[in-house]
Amino acid sequence: MPLQHTTISATYNGSSAGMLGLDQQFAPVAGSNITAIDSTGSGGVEFLSADFLFGIDFAEDGVMTVYNNGQVAAGAYSMRFDFGASLGAPLTRFSLLDSAAIGGLPVLNLIDGHTIGLDLSGLDWGNGFTSFSARLEAAPSPVPEPGSVTLILAGLAAFALMRRRATTV
């Protein structure tokens, strides 16, 4: 699960004060733009934009859902989410899952292995109260193939046998 046990810092339109996090009960206080993934699965959001236009939910399996809470006037709406060192593996890509309720496509950017950008400026949200979802994918954990483990163990055994023979001669 790419987002399990992560803590996220967020900005909205370039401002950390523009994002309100669940850990601070969405209160506009210092550090409110930092929150942990809600692992309870309660269905709530991790962040609200300070203007309450958008709610952003992250699931441990990497699904991000963006909700709008009413009429969205034309304008600039950008967000940045930084998962920092709490991320188990670097993020590698996005895939849009469900955007049928909105007009247009959100601009999703992978800034680096732990930071994503989201631009909602070109979307038509219709009459409001709609959403879209995307999946964040992380690099797979390197797991050695069974054959390579066997080969390494055979090599170590051969090395130990040769060393043992050299010390007994």
C-alpha atoms as a PDB file:
ATOM      1  CA  MET A   1       0.000   0.000   0.000  1.00  0.00           C
ATOM      2  CA  PRO A   2       1.846   3.087  -1.235  1.00  0.00           C
ATOM      3  CA  LEU A   3       0.423   5.619   1.273  1.00  0.00           C
ATOM      4  CA  GLN A   4       0.212   3.492   4.415  1.00  0.00           C
ATOM      5  CA  HIS A   5       1.428   5.363   7.537  1.00  0.00           C
ATOM      6  CA  THR A   6       2.248   8.573   5.649  1.00  0.00           C
ATOM      7  CA  THR A   7       2.099  12.170   6.771  1.00  0.00           C
ATOM      8  CA  ILE A   8       1.302  14.805   4.167  1.00  0.00           C
ATOM      9  CA  SER A   9       2.031  18.517   4.029  1.00  0.00           C
ATOM     10  CA  ALA A  10      -0.119  20.463   1.597  1.00  0.00           C
ATOM     11  CA  THR A  11      -0.454  23.884   0.000  1.00  0.00           C
ATOM     12  CA  TYR A  12      -3.351  25.464  -1.844  1.00  0.00           C
ATOM     13  CA  ASN A  13      -2.615  28.126  -4.451  1.00  0.00           C
ATOM     14  CA  GLY A  14       0.948  28.257  -3.103  1.00  0.00           C
ATOM     15  CA  SER A  15      -0.013  28.901   0.521  1.00  0.00           C
ATOM     16  CA  SER A  16       0.315  26.500   3.447  1.00  0.00           C
ATOM     17  CA  ALA A  17      -2.410  28.528   5.218  1.00  0.00           C
ATOM     18  CA  GLY A  18      -4.720  27.656   2.323  1.00  0.00           C
ATOM     19  CA  MET A  19      -5.009  24.008   3.355  1.00  0.00           C
ATOM     20  CA  LEU A  20      -6.640  22.737   6.555  1.00  0.00           C
ATOM     21  CA  GLY A  21      -5.826  19.246   7.829  1.00  0.00           C
ATOM     22  CA  LEU A  22      -7.756  16.581   9.670  1.00  0.00           C
ATOM     23  CA  ASP A  23      -5.173  16.298  12.486  1.00  0.00           C
ATOM     24  CA  GLN A  24      -6.033  19.887  13.519  1.00  0.00           C
ATOM     25  CA  GLN A  25      -9.794  19.351  12.996  1.00  0.00           C
ATOM     26  CA  PHE A  26      -9.616  21.637   9.932  1.00  0.00           C
ATOM     27  CA  ALA A  27      -8.913  24.674  12.139  1.00  0.00           C
ATOM     28  CA  PRO A  28      -6.850  27.505  10.624  1.00  0.00           C
ATOM     29  CA  VAL A  29      -3.920  27.179  13.047  1.00  0.00           C
ATOM     30  CA  ALA A  30      -0.166  26.905  12.529  1.00  0.00           C
ATOM     31  CA  GLY A  31       0.704  23.484  11.124  1.00  0.00           C
ATOM     32  CA  SER A  32      -2.833  22.797   9.974  1.00  0.00           C
ATOM     33  CA  ASN A  33      -1.538  21.989   6.496  1.00  0.00           C
ATOM     34  CA  ILE A  34       0.123  18.800   7.832  1.00  0.00           C
ATOM     35  CA  THR A  35      -1.870  15.663   8.544  1.00  0.00           C
ATOM     36  CA  ALA A  36      -1.514  11.889   8.603  1.00  0.00           C
ATOM     37  CA  ILE A  37      -3.470   9.482   6.437  1.00  0.00           C
ATOM     38  CA  ASP A  38      -6.692   8.521   8.214  1.00  0.00           C
ATOM     39  CA  SER A  39      -6.201   4.778   8.558  1.00  0.00           C
ATOM     40  CA  THR A  40      -9.627   4.234  10.152  1.00  0.00           C
ATOM     41  CA  GLY A  41     -11.323   4.193   6.763  1.00  0.00           C
ATOM     42  CA  SER A  42     -14.012   6.517   8.096  1.00  0.00           C
ATOM     43  CA  GLY A  43     -14.595   7.953   4.640  1.00  0.00           C
ATOM     44  CA  GLY A  44     -13.664  11.488   5.668  1.00  0.00           C
ATOM     45  CA  VAL A  45     -11.176  13.748   3.982  1.00  0.00           C
ATOM     46  CA  GLU A  46      -7.622  14.529   5.092  1.00  0.00           C
ATOM     47  CA  PHE A  47      -7.708  18.127   3.818  1.00  0.00           C
ATOM     48  CA  LEU A  48     -10.142  20.956   3.153  1.00  0.00           C
ATOM     49  CA  SER A  49      -9.122  24.030   1.223  1.00  0.00           C
ATOM     50  CA  ALA A  50      -9.360  27.101   3.478  1.00  0.00           C
ATOM     51  CA  ASP A  51     -12.115  28.500   1.220  1.00  0.00           C
ATOM     52  CA  PHE A  52     -13.965  25.166   1.739  1.00  0.00           C
ATOM     53  CA  LEU A  53     -14.332  24.655  -2.026  1.00  0.00           C
ATOM     54  CA  PHE A  54     -12.437  21.360  -2.062  1.00  0.00           C
ATOM     55  CA  GLY A  55     -12.018  18.293   0.112  1.00  0.00           C
ATOM     56  CA  ILE A  56      -9.165  15.881  -0.573  1.00  0.00           C
ATOM     57  CA  ASP A  57      -9.172  12.296   0.626  1.00  0.00           C
ATOM     58  CA  PHE A  58      -6.189   9.941   0.460  1.00  0.00           C
ATOM     59  CA  ALA A  59      -6.598   6.215   1.010  1.00  0.00           C
ATOM     60  CA  GLU A  60      -3.766   3.948   2.101  1.00  0.00           C
ATOM     61  CA  ASP A  61      -4.034   2.030  -1.191  1.00  0.00           C
ATOM     62  CA  GLY A  62      -3.013   5.187  -3.096  1.00  0.00           C
ATOM     63  CA  VAL A  63      -6.424   6.420  -4.249  1.00  0.00           C
ATOM     64  CA  MET A  64      -6.855  10.180  -4.029  1.00  0.00           C
ATOM     65  CA  THR A  65     -10.378  11.604  -4.340  1.00  0.00           C
ATOM     66  CA  VAL A  66     -11.042  15.315  -4.799  1.00  0.00           C
ATOM     67  CA  TYR A  67     -14.512  16.596  -3.923  1.00  0.00           C
ATOM     68  CA  ASN A  68     -15.921  20.011  -4.624  1.00  0.00           C
ATOM     69  CA  ASN A  69     -18.309  21.444  -2.066  1.00  0.00           C
ATOM     70  CA  GLY A  70     -20.333  23.814  -4.212  1.00  0.00           C
ATOM     71  CA  GLN A  71     -20.177  26.126  -7.212  1.00  0.00           C
ATOM     72  CA  VAL A  72     -16.590  26.676  -8.345  1.00  0.00           C
ATOM     73  CA  ALA A  73     -16.049  29.961 -10.154  1.00  0.00           C
ATOM     74  CA  ALA A  74     -13.465  30.169 -12.920  1.00  0.00           C
ATOM     75  CA  GLY A  75     -10.049  30.799 -11.420  1.00  0.00           C
ATOM     76  CA  ALA A  76      -6.740  29.310 -10.332  1.00  0.00           C
ATOM     77  CA  TYR A  77      -6.975  26.264  -8.084  1.00  0.00           C
ATOM     78  CA  SER A  78      -3.724  24.432  -7.522  1.00  0.00           C
ATOM     79  CA  MET A  79      -2.573  22.097  -4.769  1.00  0.00           C
ATOM     80  CA  ARG A  80       0.666  20.450  -3.811  1.00  0.00           C
ATOM     81  CA  PHE A  81       1.014  17.411  -1.552  1.00  0.00           C
ATOM     82  CA  ASP A  82       4.368  16.369  -0.117  1.00  0.00           C
ATOM     83  CA  PHE A  83       4.600  12.924   1.479  1.00  0.00           C
ATOM     84  CA  GLY A  84       8.229  13.467   2.509  1.00  0.00           C
ATOM     85  CA  ALA A  85      10.258  10.768   4.223  1.00  0.00           C
ATOM     86  CA  SER A  86       7.152   8.992   5.549  1.00  0.00           C
ATOM     87  CA  LEU A  87       6.495   7.494   2.115  1.00  0.00           C
ATOM     88  CA  GLY A  88       7.505   3.813   1.957  1.00  0.00           C
ATOM     89  CA  ALA A  89       8.600   3.918  -1.705  1.00  0.00           C
ATOM     90  CA  PRO A  90       8.949   6.730  -4.256  1.00  0.00           C
ATOM     91  CA  LEU A  91       5.862   7.692  -6.226  1.00  0.00           C
ATOM     92  CA  THR A  92       6.240   6.825  -9.893  1.00  0.00           C
ATOM     93  CA  ARG A  93       2.989   7.808 -11.625  1.00  0.00           C
ATOM     94  CA  PHE A  94      -0.685   8.745 -11.521  1.00  0.00           C
ATOM     95  CA  SER A  95      -3.613   7.167 -13.230  1.00  0.00           C
ATOM     96  CA  LEU A  96      -6.985   8.867 -13.444  1.00  0.00           C
ATOM     97  CA  LEU A  97      -9.687   6.471 -12.229  1.00  0.00           C
ATOM     98  CA  ASP A  98     -12.980   8.315 -12.401  1.00  0.00           C
ATOM     99  CA  SER A  99     -13.609  11.736 -13.850  1.00  0.00           C
ATOM    100  CA  ALA A 100     -17.025  11.255 -15.457  1.00  0.00           C
ATOM    101  CA  ALA A 101     -18.701  13.783 -13.136  1.00  0.00           C
ATOM    102  CA  ILE A 102     -16.474  16.679 -14.173  1.00  0.00           C
ATOM    103  CA  GLY A 103     -15.775  18.425 -17.448  1.00  0.00           C
ATOM    104  CA  GLY A 104     -12.150  18.474 -18.546  1.00  0.00           C
ATOM    105  CA  LEU A 105      -9.161  16.750 -17.068  1.00  0.00           C
ATOM    106  CA  PRO A 106      -7.248  17.665 -13.934  1.00  0.00           C
ATOM    107  CA  VAL A 107      -3.552  18.338 -14.421  1.00  0.00           C
ATOM    108  CA  LEU A 108      -1.630  15.853 -12.290  1.00  0.00           C
ATOM    109  CA  ASN A 109       2.126  16.351 -11.887  1.00  0.00           C
ATOM    110  CA  LEU A 110       4.665  14.094 -10.276  1.00  0.00           C
ATOM    111  CA  ILE A 111       7.125  16.709  -9.015  1.00  0.00           C
ATOM    112  CA  ASP A 112       9.530  14.220  -7.458  1.00  0.00           C
ATOM    113  CA  GLY A 113       9.329  10.835  -5.767  1.00  0.00           C
ATOM    114  CA  HIS A 114       7.404  12.226  -2.790  1.00  0.00           C
ATOM    115  CA  THR A 115       5.588  15.337  -4.062  1.00  0.00           C
ATOM    116  CA  ILE A 116       2.599  15.673  -6.372  1.00  0.00           C
ATOM    117  CA  GLY A 117       0.965  18.715  -7.907  1.00  0.00           C
ATOM    118  CA  LEU A 118      -2.666  19.071  -8.848  1.00  0.00           C
ATOM    119  CA  ASP A 119      -4.155  21.872 -10.977  1.00  0.00           C
ATOM    120  CA  LEU A 120      -7.948  22.081 -11.045  1.00  0.00           C
ATOM    121  CA  SER A 121      -8.164  25.410 -12.876  1.00  0.00           C
ATOM    122  CA  GLY A 122      -9.382  23.991 -16.192  1.00  0.00           C
ATOM    123  CA  LEU A 123     -12.194  21.851 -14.801  1.00  0.00           C
ATOM    124  CA  ASP A 124     -15.921  22.368 -15.160  1.00  0.00           C
ATOM    125  CA  TRP A 125     -17.526  21.133 -11.948  1.00  0.00           C
ATOM    126  CA  GLY A 126     -21.097  21.602 -13.219  1.00  0.00           C
ATOM    127  CA  ASN A 127     -23.530  22.445 -10.431  1.00  0.00           C
ATOM    128  CA  GLY A 128     -21.098  21.370  -7.727  1.00  0.00           C
ATOM    129  CA  PHE A 129     -20.851  18.498  -5.292  1.00  0.00           C
ATOM    130  CA  THR A 130     -18.966  16.230  -7.666  1.00  0.00           C
ATOM    131  CA  SER A 131     -15.655  14.422  -7.474  1.00  0.00           C
ATOM    132  CA  PHE A 132     -12.915  12.619  -9.341  1.00  0.00           C
ATOM    133  CA  SER A 133     -10.400   9.993  -8.298  1.00  0.00           C
ATOM    134  CA  ALA A 134      -6.835   9.153  -9.249  1.00  0.00           C
ATOM    135  CA  ARG A 135      -4.434   6.446  -8.134  1.00  0.00           C
ATOM    136  CA  LEU A 136      -0.934   7.274  -6.963  1.00  0.00           C
ATOM    137  CA  GLU A 137       1.455   4.456  -7.683  1.00  0.00           C
ATOM    138  CA  ALA A 138       4.736   3.794  -5.939  1.00  0.00           C
ATOM    139  CA  ALA A 139       7.808   1.936  -7.096  1.00  0.00           C
ATOM    140  CA  PRO A 140       7.561  -1.740  -6.251  1.00  0.00           C
ATOM    141  CA  SER A 141       9.737  -2.948  -3.412  1.00  0.00           C
ATOM    142  CA  PRO A 142      12.692  -4.867  -4.760  1.00  0.00           C
ATOM    143  CA  VAL A 143      12.062  -8.533  -4.002  1.00  0.00           C
ATOM    144  CA  PRO A 144      14.752 -10.950  -5.115  1.00  0.00           C
ATOM    145  CA  GLU A 145      13.668 -13.722  -7.435  1.00  0.00           C
ATOM    146  CA  PRO A 146      13.730 -17.208  -5.859  1.00  0.00           C
ATOM    147  CA  GLY A 147      16.362 -18.334  -8.373  1.00  0.00           C
ATOM    148  CA  SER A 148      18.731 -15.533  -7.449  1.00  0.00           C
ATOM    149  CA  VAL A 149      18.384 -16.311  -3.728  1.00  0.00           C
ATOM    150  CA  THR A 150      19.189 -19.966  -4.424  1.00  0.00           C
ATOM    151  CA  LEU A 151      22.209 -18.977  -6.513  1.00  0.00           C
ATOM    152  CA  ILE A 152      23.528 -16.669  -3.777  1.00  0.00           C
ATOM    153  CA  LEU A 153      23.099 -19.374  -1.123  1.00  0.00           C
ATOM    154  CA  ALA A 154      24.860 -21.947  -3.348  1.00  0.00           C
ATOM    155  CA  GLY A 155      27.735 -19.528  -3.892  1.00  0.00           C
ATOM    156  CA  LEU A 156      28.070 -18.855  -0.166  1.00  0.00           C
ATOM    157  CA  ALA A 157      28.029 -22.595   0.572  1.00  0.00           C
ATOM    158  CA  ALA A 158      30.751 -23.222  -2.050  1.00  0.00           C
ATOM    159  CA  PHE A 159      32.831 -20.380  -0.621  1.00  0.00           C
ATOM    160  CA  ALA A 160      32.464 -21.766   2.924  1.00  0.00           C
ATOM    161  CA  LEU A 161      33.426 -25.263   1.738  1.00  0.00           C
ATOM    162  CA  MET A 162      36.534 -23.959  -0.064  1.00  0.00           C
ATOM    163  CA  ARG A 163      37.563 -21.942   2.962  1.00  0.00           C
ATOM    164  CA  ARG A 164      37.073 -24.933   5.245  1.00  0.00           C
ATOM    165  CA  ARG A 165      39.227 -27.141   2.977  1.00  0.00           C
ATOM    166  CA  ALA A 166      41.951 -24.468   2.888  1.00  0.00           C
ATOM    167  CA  THR A 167      42.125 -24.308   6.708  1.00  0.00           C
ATOM    168  CA  THR A 168      42.255 -28.120   7.120  1.00  0.00           C
ATOM    169  CA  VAL A 169      45.138 -28.633   4.656  1.00  0.00           C
END
